[in-house]
Amino acid sequence: MKGLFKRALLYRLLTNLDVLISKAKLSHKEVSSRTGRKGNWINDAYNQSEDIQISSLAKIFSVINTEIDLNGYSLSAVFDDKVLDIARVISNLSDEEENSAQIAQFVSSEEELLIDLLGDWGSLESKRKLNKEELSYFREIKKLINQQASKEDSPDA
């Protein structure tokens, strides 16, 4: 399940980074070129939700900083509360495979965050960016959230 959350984390980080790139009125191709990368590297990293290296992130920030003063921005422009929540969940997840009862308990305890992430995972699914295991966890989480919502909506709840 950690892999699914890592996908969400990278998706959010790169989306937030893309907002800064747009504010700087830079294209992905221009950022790629100015960071010394061939072709449209940043676009590929963004579309593939790649786990870019810290040195690459620093180069991207340096290019953005030539167009807009990043002193007016905080790290929360990229590492917002949602990104930090996802990172917290990843840190708390076991390295071992979870059973259905553990997943159900987890969904119940993290429902608000998971509901928000369903959209991100849905987007990644539609782009075929989730592997078989991640897709399975996504579907199970989605099913459990829907079941929980149905229970809350029922008159006997």
C-alpha atoms as a PDB file:
ATOM      1  CA  MET A   1       0.000   0.000   0.000  1.00  0.00           C
ATOM      2  CA  LYS A   2       2.996   2.287   0.530  1.00  0.00           C
ATOM      3  CA  GLY A   3       3.521   2.366  -3.238  1.00  0.00           C
ATOM      4  CA  LEU A   4       0.048   3.784  -3.800  1.00  0.00           C
ATOM      5  CA  PHE A   5       0.685   6.559  -1.288  1.00  0.00           C
ATOM      6  CA  LYS A   6       4.111   7.267  -2.753  1.00  0.00           C
ATOM      7  CA  ARG A   7       2.398   7.736  -6.134  1.00  0.00           C
ATOM      8  CA  ALA A   8      -0.008  10.213  -4.536  1.00  0.00           C
ATOM      9  CA  LEU A   9       2.861  12.026  -2.819  1.00  0.00           C
ATOM     10  CA  LEU A  10       4.825  12.417  -6.052  1.00  0.00           C
ATOM     11  CA  TYR A  11       1.698  13.413  -7.954  1.00  0.00           C
ATOM     12  CA  ARG A  12       0.966  16.187  -5.434  1.00  0.00           C
ATOM     13  CA  LEU A  13       4.574  17.378  -5.208  1.00  0.00           C
ATOM     14  CA  LEU A  14       4.994  17.563  -8.968  1.00  0.00           C
ATOM     15  CA  THR A  15       1.609  19.242  -9.393  1.00  0.00           C
ATOM     16  CA  ASN A  16       2.587  21.881  -6.815  1.00  0.00           C
ATOM     17  CA  LEU A  17       5.938  22.326  -8.556  1.00  0.00           C
ATOM     18  CA  ASP A  18       4.122  22.706 -11.873  1.00  0.00           C
ATOM     19  CA  VAL A  19       2.116  25.588 -10.366  1.00  0.00           C
ATOM     20  CA  LEU A  20       5.377  27.420  -9.607  1.00  0.00           C
ATOM     21  CA  ILE A  21       6.672  26.694 -13.115  1.00  0.00           C
ATOM     22  CA  SER A  22       3.461  28.170 -14.545  1.00  0.00           C
ATOM     23  CA  LYS A  23       3.696  31.240 -12.291  1.00  0.00           C
ATOM     24  CA  ALA A  24       7.200  31.773 -13.673  1.00  0.00           C
ATOM     25  CA  LYS A  25       5.683  31.580 -17.176  1.00  0.00           C
ATOM     26  CA  LEU A  26       8.064  28.780 -18.106  1.00  0.00           C
ATOM     27  CA  SER A  27       7.343  25.755 -20.264  1.00  0.00           C
ATOM     28  CA  HIS A  28       8.368  22.279 -19.213  1.00  0.00           C
ATOM     29  CA  LYS A  29      10.696  22.151 -22.212  1.00  0.00           C
ATOM     30  CA  GLU A  30      12.387  25.399 -21.187  1.00  0.00           C
ATOM     31  CA  VAL A  31      12.854  24.191 -17.603  1.00  0.00           C
ATOM     32  CA  SER A  32      14.292  20.919 -18.910  1.00  0.00           C
ATOM     33  CA  SER A  33      16.742  22.726 -21.156  1.00  0.00           C
ATOM     34  CA  ARG A  34      17.788  25.235 -18.505  1.00  0.00           C
ATOM     35  CA  THR A  35      18.442  22.456 -15.981  1.00  0.00           C
ATOM     36  CA  GLY A  36      20.758  20.751 -18.466  1.00  0.00           C
ATOM     37  CA  ARG A  37      18.341  17.956 -19.355  1.00  0.00           C
ATOM     38  CA  LYS A  38      17.612  16.780 -22.872  1.00  0.00           C
ATOM     39  CA  GLY A  39      14.234  16.930 -24.535  1.00  0.00           C
ATOM     40  CA  ASN A  40      11.262  17.521 -22.328  1.00  0.00           C
ATOM     41  CA  TRP A  41      12.547  15.815 -19.178  1.00  0.00           C
ATOM     42  CA  ILE A  42      10.394  17.753 -16.689  1.00  0.00           C
ATOM     43  CA  ASN A  43       7.257  16.954 -18.682  1.00  0.00           C
ATOM     44  CA  ASP A  44       8.156  13.260 -18.646  1.00  0.00           C
ATOM     45  CA  ALA A  45       8.887  13.400 -14.898  1.00  0.00           C
ATOM     46  CA  TYR A  46       5.571  15.168 -14.311  1.00  0.00           C
ATOM     47  CA  ASN A  47       3.543  12.801 -16.495  1.00  0.00           C
ATOM     48  CA  GLN A  48       5.203   9.680 -15.068  1.00  0.00           C
ATOM     49  CA  SER A  49       5.142  10.943 -11.443  1.00  0.00           C
ATOM     50  CA  GLU A  50       8.873  10.241 -11.246  1.00  0.00           C
ATOM     51  CA  ASP A  51      10.684  10.404  -7.943  1.00  0.00           C
ATOM     52  CA  ILE A  52      13.143  13.094  -9.029  1.00  0.00           C
ATOM     53  CA  GLN A  53      16.426  13.590  -7.193  1.00  0.00           C
ATOM     54  CA  ILE A  54      16.926  16.435  -4.745  1.00  0.00           C
ATOM     55  CA  SER A  55      19.662  17.841  -6.983  1.00  0.00           C
ATOM     56  CA  SER A  56      17.171  17.972  -9.872  1.00  0.00           C
ATOM     57  CA  LEU A  57      14.628  19.711  -7.648  1.00  0.00           C
ATOM     58  CA  ALA A  58      17.268  22.294  -6.694  1.00  0.00           C
ATOM     59  CA  LYS A  59      18.025  22.918 -10.386  1.00  0.00           C
ATOM     60  CA  ILE A  60      14.319  23.381 -11.125  1.00  0.00           C
ATOM     61  CA  PHE A  61      14.030  25.884  -8.268  1.00  0.00           C
ATOM     62  CA  SER A  62      17.079  27.755  -9.588  1.00  0.00           C
ATOM     63  CA  VAL A  63      15.463  28.095 -13.034  1.00  0.00           C
ATOM     64  CA  ILE A  64      12.146  29.239 -11.534  1.00  0.00           C
ATOM     65  CA  ASN A  65      14.035  31.727  -9.354  1.00  0.00           C
ATOM     66  CA  THR A  66      15.433  33.434 -12.476  1.00  0.00           C
ATOM     67  CA  GLU A  67      11.859  34.324 -13.467  1.00  0.00           C
ATOM     68  CA  ILE A  68      10.122  34.900 -10.120  1.00  0.00           C
ATOM     69  CA  ASP A  69      11.671  35.704  -6.757  1.00  0.00           C
ATOM     70  CA  LEU A  70      11.278  32.572  -4.685  1.00  0.00           C
ATOM     71  CA  ASN A  71      12.123  34.495  -1.508  1.00  0.00           C
ATOM     72  CA  GLY A  72       8.434  35.380  -1.371  1.00  0.00           C
ATOM     73  CA  TYR A  73       7.505  31.693  -1.315  1.00  0.00           C
ATOM     74  CA  SER A  74       7.846  29.170   1.460  1.00  0.00           C
ATOM     75  CA  LEU A  75       8.481  25.467   1.164  1.00  0.00           C
ATOM     76  CA  SER A  76       4.753  25.016   1.685  1.00  0.00           C
ATOM     77  CA  ALA A  77       4.263  26.169  -1.909  1.00  0.00           C
ATOM     78  CA  VAL A  78       5.454  22.684  -2.865  1.00  0.00           C
ATOM     79  CA  PHE A  79       5.323  20.779   0.435  1.00  0.00           C
ATOM     80  CA  ASP A  80       1.779  21.740   1.423  1.00  0.00           C
ATOM     81  CA  ASP A  81      -0.308  20.211   4.223  1.00  0.00           C
ATOM     82  CA  LYS A  82      -1.651  17.493   1.936  1.00  0.00           C
ATOM     83  CA  VAL A  83       1.855  16.420   0.896  1.00  0.00           C
ATOM     84  CA  LEU A  84       2.909  16.315   4.548  1.00  0.00           C
ATOM     85  CA  ASP A  85      -0.207  14.288   5.471  1.00  0.00           C
ATOM     86  CA  ILE A  86       0.617  11.766   2.759  1.00  0.00           C
ATOM     87  CA  ALA A  87       4.235  11.571   3.975  1.00  0.00           C
ATOM     88  CA  ARG A  88       2.977  10.999   7.549  1.00  0.00           C
ATOM     89  CA  VAL A  89       0.786   8.122   6.363  1.00  0.00           C
ATOM     90  CA  ILE A  90       3.679   6.556   4.428  1.00  0.00           C
ATOM     91  CA  SER A  91       5.856   6.751   7.548  1.00  0.00           C
ATOM     92  CA  ASN A  92       3.173   5.044   9.631  1.00  0.00           C
ATOM     93  CA  LEU A  93       2.386   2.230   7.185  1.00  0.00           C
ATOM     94  CA  SER A  94       3.937  -1.163   7.777  1.00  0.00           C
ATOM     95  CA  ASP A  95       6.452  -2.544   5.306  1.00  0.00           C
ATOM     96  CA  GLU A  96       4.521  -5.795   5.392  1.00  0.00           C
ATOM     97  CA  GLU A  97       1.438  -6.479   3.316  1.00  0.00           C
ATOM     98  CA  GLU A  98      -1.769  -5.407   5.029  1.00  0.00           C
ATOM     99  CA  ASN A  99      -4.735  -7.729   5.487  1.00  0.00           C
ATOM    100  CA  SER A 100      -8.338  -6.703   4.798  1.00  0.00           C
ATOM    101  CA  ALA A 101      -9.100  -5.936   8.457  1.00  0.00           C
ATOM    102  CA  GLN A 102      -6.046  -3.678   8.736  1.00  0.00           C
ATOM    103  CA  ILE A 103      -6.984  -1.874   5.536  1.00  0.00           C
ATOM    104  CA  ALA A 104     -10.570  -1.349   6.738  1.00  0.00           C
ATOM    105  CA  GLN A 105      -9.320   0.062  10.053  1.00  0.00           C
ATOM    106  CA  PHE A 106      -6.850   2.267   8.200  1.00  0.00           C
ATOM    107  CA  VAL A 107      -9.568   3.586   5.863  1.00  0.00           C
ATOM    108  CA  SER A 108     -11.736   4.415   8.858  1.00  0.00           C
ATOM    109  CA  SER A 109      -8.920   6.310  10.601  1.00  0.00           C
ATOM    110  CA  GLU A 110      -7.748   8.232   7.507  1.00  0.00           C
ATOM    111  CA  GLU A 111     -11.077   8.664   5.704  1.00  0.00           C
ATOM    112  CA  GLU A 112     -10.814  12.414   5.056  1.00  0.00           C
ATOM    113  CA  LEU A 113      -7.358  12.168   3.484  1.00  0.00           C
ATOM    114  CA  LEU A 114      -8.306   9.081   1.489  1.00  0.00           C
ATOM    115  CA  ILE A 115     -11.429  10.701   0.065  1.00  0.00           C
ATOM    116  CA  ASP A 116      -9.232  13.555  -1.136  1.00  0.00           C
ATOM    117  CA  LEU A 117      -6.707  11.143  -2.652  1.00  0.00           C
ATOM    118  CA  LEU A 118      -9.346   9.186  -4.576  1.00  0.00           C
ATOM    119  CA  GLY A 119      -9.324  11.938  -7.212  1.00  0.00           C
ATOM    120  CA  ASP A 120      -5.534  11.816  -7.555  1.00  0.00           C
ATOM    121  CA  TRP A 121      -5.517   8.045  -7.803  1.00  0.00           C
ATOM    122  CA  GLY A 122      -8.416   8.158 -10.260  1.00  0.00           C
ATOM    123  CA  SER A 123      -6.415  10.521 -12.443  1.00  0.00           C
ATOM    124  CA  LEU A 124      -3.372   8.264 -12.227  1.00  0.00           C
ATOM    125  CA  GLU A 125      -5.550   5.243 -13.026  1.00  0.00           C
ATOM    126  CA  SER A 126      -7.026   6.921 -16.106  1.00  0.00           C
ATOM    127  CA  LYS A 127      -3.484   7.655 -17.319  1.00  0.00           C
ATOM    128  CA  ARG A 128      -2.553   4.012 -16.610  1.00  0.00           C
ATOM    129  CA  LYS A 129       0.114   5.056 -14.108  1.00  0.00           C
ATOM    130  CA  LEU A 130      -0.842   2.623 -11.333  1.00  0.00           C
ATOM    131  CA  ASN A 131       0.706  -0.832 -11.340  1.00  0.00           C
ATOM    132  CA  LYS A 132      -1.386  -3.930 -10.672  1.00  0.00           C
ATOM    133  CA  GLU A 133      -0.786  -3.916  -6.896  1.00  0.00           C
ATOM    134  CA  GLU A 134      -1.463  -0.170  -6.560  1.00  0.00           C
ATOM    135  CA  LEU A 135      -4.624  -0.521  -8.621  1.00  0.00           C
ATOM    136  CA  SER A 136      -5.812  -3.329  -6.366  1.00  0.00           C
ATOM    137  CA  TYR A 137      -5.262  -1.232  -3.216  1.00  0.00           C
ATOM    138  CA  PHE A 138      -6.923   1.778  -4.858  1.00  0.00           C
ATOM    139  CA  ARG A 139     -10.015  -0.244  -5.706  1.00  0.00           C
ATOM    140  CA  GLU A 140     -10.173  -1.781  -2.236  1.00  0.00           C
ATOM    141  CA  ILE A 141      -9.851   1.605  -0.527  1.00  0.00           C
ATOM    142  CA  LYS A 142     -12.484   3.066  -2.841  1.00  0.00           C
ATOM    143  CA  LYS A 143     -14.850   0.162  -2.110  1.00  0.00           C
ATOM    144  CA  LEU A 144     -14.367   0.536   1.662  1.00  0.00           C
ATOM    145  CA  ILE A 145     -14.984   4.290   1.539  1.00  0.00           C
ATOM    146  CA  ASN A 146     -18.162   3.736  -0.477  1.00  0.00           C
ATOM    147  CA  GLN A 147     -19.325   1.083   2.001  1.00  0.00           C
ATOM    148  CA  GLN A 148     -18.640   3.393   4.926  1.00  0.00           C
ATOM    149  CA  ALA A 149     -20.530   6.232   3.214  1.00  0.00           C
ATOM    150  CA  SER A 150     -23.468   3.892   2.563  1.00  0.00           C
ATOM    151  CA  LYS A 151     -23.570   2.917   6.246  1.00  0.00           C
ATOM    152  CA  GLU A 152     -23.561   6.574   7.278  1.00  0.00           C
ATOM    153  CA  ASP A 153     -26.383   7.336   4.827  1.00  0.00           C
ATOM    154  CA  SER A 154     -28.576   4.437   5.923  1.00  0.00           C
ATOM    155  CA  PRO A 155     -31.432   5.257   8.332  1.00  0.00           C
ATOM    156  CA  ASP A 156     -30.178   2.601  10.780  1.00  0.00           C
ATOM    157  CA  ALA A 157     -26.781   4.290  11.160  1.00  0.00           C
END
